[in-house]
C-alpha cells in the first residue's frame, strides 16, 4: 500500500515538474523555430548578442544567415541566434519599464 502511494506521489511530482519546467521551454523553443522559419531577406532582427541587423539571406540547410549590422558590415550568424524581430517601440517601452523598476527599488 505504501509503495502505491509513493508511486502516485512521484507521478504527481513528475507531472508538476514537466508542466512547470519542461513544457514552457518546449513552447518557447517552438515559437523561436517558427520565427526563424518565417524570416526573409530584409527583416530586421535582434541577435542573441544584442546586435540589431537586417537579414540579407538565409541558408536553411546550413542553419546560418547573413546579417548586415552596419553599412557594409555583414556577419554570418547561426539562425537560432536570431531571437526576435526588431521593434524600436517595443524596445523603448521595455526600457522605460526597466527604468521605473530600478527607480522604485
Protein backbone atom coordinates (compact mmCIF):
# COMPACT_ATOMS: atom_id res chain seq x y z
CA UNK A 1 0.00 0.00 0.00
CA UNK A 2 2.80 2.42 0.89
CA UNK A 3 4.57 1.67 -2.39
CA UNK A 4 1.50 2.58 -4.46
CA UNK A 5 1.02 5.81 -2.53
CA UNK A 6 4.71 6.68 -3.02
CA UNK A 7 4.50 5.86 -6.74
CA UNK A 8 1.36 8.01 -7.08
CA UNK A 9 3.04 10.95 -5.34
CA UNK A 10 6.14 10.59 -7.52
CA UNK A 11 3.97 10.62 -10.65
CA UNK A 12 2.30 13.80 -9.41
CA UNK A 13 5.69 15.40 -8.75
CA UNK A 14 6.99 14.42 -12.19
CA UNK A 15 3.82 15.75 -13.81
CA UNK A 16 4.13 19.04 -11.96
CA UNK A 17 7.82 19.32 -12.92
CA UNK A 18 7.02 18.67 -16.57
CA UNK A 19 4.17 21.16 -16.69
CA UNK A 20 6.07 23.91 -14.83
CA UNK A 21 9.54 23.47 -16.27
CA UNK A 22 9.82 21.44 -19.45
CA UNK A 23 6.56 22.33 -21.21
CA UNK A 24 7.17 26.13 -21.21
CA UNK A 25 10.69 25.58 -22.58
CA UNK A 26 9.33 23.42 -25.39
CA UNK A 27 6.73 26.04 -26.21
CA UNK A 28 9.38 28.82 -26.31
CA UNK A 29 11.65 26.65 -28.49
CA UNK A 30 8.84 26.01 -30.98
CA UNK A 31 7.99 29.72 -31.03
CA UNK A 32 11.61 30.60 -31.81
CA UNK A 33 11.82 27.93 -34.53
CA UNK A 34 8.69 29.29 -36.18
CA UNK A 35 10.16 32.80 -36.06
CA UNK A 36 13.39 31.65 -37.74
CA UNK A 37 11.48 29.71 -40.41
CA UNK A 38 9.40 32.80 -41.23
CA UNK A 39 12.43 35.08 -41.64
CA UNK A 40 13.04 36.56 -45.06
CA UNK A 41 15.60 38.86 -46.61
CA UNK A 42 15.07 42.43 -45.47
CA UNK A 43 13.72 41.58 -42.00
CA UNK A 44 15.30 43.47 -39.12
CA UNK A 45 16.23 41.23 -36.20
CA UNK A 46 17.91 41.24 -32.81
CA UNK A 47 20.59 38.60 -32.25
CA UNK A 48 21.36 36.74 -29.04
CA UNK A 49 24.35 39.05 -28.63
CA UNK A 50 22.11 42.12 -28.71
CA UNK A 51 23.09 43.25 -32.20
CA UNK A 52 20.42 44.71 -34.44
CA UNK A 53 20.72 43.97 -38.13
CA UNK A 54 18.99 43.31 -41.42
CA UNK A 55 18.78 39.77 -42.80
CA UNK A 56 20.36 39.61 -46.25
CA UNK A 57 20.00 35.89 -46.91
CA UNK A 58 19.26 32.64 -45.10
CA UNK A 59 20.86 29.25 -45.72
CA UNK A 60 18.32 26.88 -44.18
CA UNK A 61 20.40 23.76 -44.86
CA UNK A 62 23.44 25.15 -43.02
CA UNK A 63 21.32 26.89 -40.38
CA UNK A 64 23.03 30.23 -40.96
CA UNK A 65 22.04 33.70 -42.08
CA UNK A 66 23.92 36.68 -43.46
CA UNK A 67 23.05 39.74 -41.36
CA UNK A 68 24.13 43.29 -42.10
CA UNK A 69 24.78 45.02 -38.76
CA UNK A 70 26.09 48.31 -40.24
CA UNK A 71 26.55 49.73 -43.71
CA UNK A 72 28.88 47.31 -45.46
CA UNK A 73 29.42 45.13 -42.34
CA UNK A 74 27.95 41.69 -42.94
CA UNK A 75 28.25 38.85 -40.45
CA UNK A 76 27.32 35.21 -40.75
CA UNK A 77 25.12 34.21 -37.80
CA UNK A 78 23.59 30.97 -36.65
CA UNK A 79 19.88 31.21 -37.45
CA UNK A 80 18.92 30.08 -33.96
CA UNK A 81 20.70 33.15 -32.54
CA UNK A 82 18.23 35.48 -34.26
CA UNK A 83 15.90 35.92 -31.31
CA UNK A 84 13.20 38.35 -32.33
CA UNK A 85 12.12 40.95 -34.81
CA UNK A 86 13.44 44.46 -34.20
CA UNK A 87 10.63 46.71 -32.97
CA UNK A 88 12.02 50.05 -31.73
CA UNK A 89 8.75 50.98 -30.00
CA UNK A 90 8.65 47.75 -28.00
CA UNK A 91 12.31 48.12 -27.01
CA UNK A 92 11.68 51.68 -25.82
CA UNK A 93 8.62 50.54 -23.86
CA UNK A 94 10.61 47.73 -22.19
CA UNK A 95 13.47 50.11 -21.39
CA UNK A 96 11.06 52.53 -19.72
CA UNK A 97 9.55 49.71 -17.64
CA UNK A 98 13.05 48.66 -16.56
CA UNK A 99 13.92 52.21 -15.54
CA UNK A 100 10.75 52.51 -13.46
CA UNK A 101 11.51 49.25 -11.64
CA UNK A 102 15.05 50.35 -10.75
CA UNK A 103 13.83 53.79 -9.59
CA UNK A 104 11.22 52.20 -7.31
CA UNK A 105 13.65 49.70 -5.80
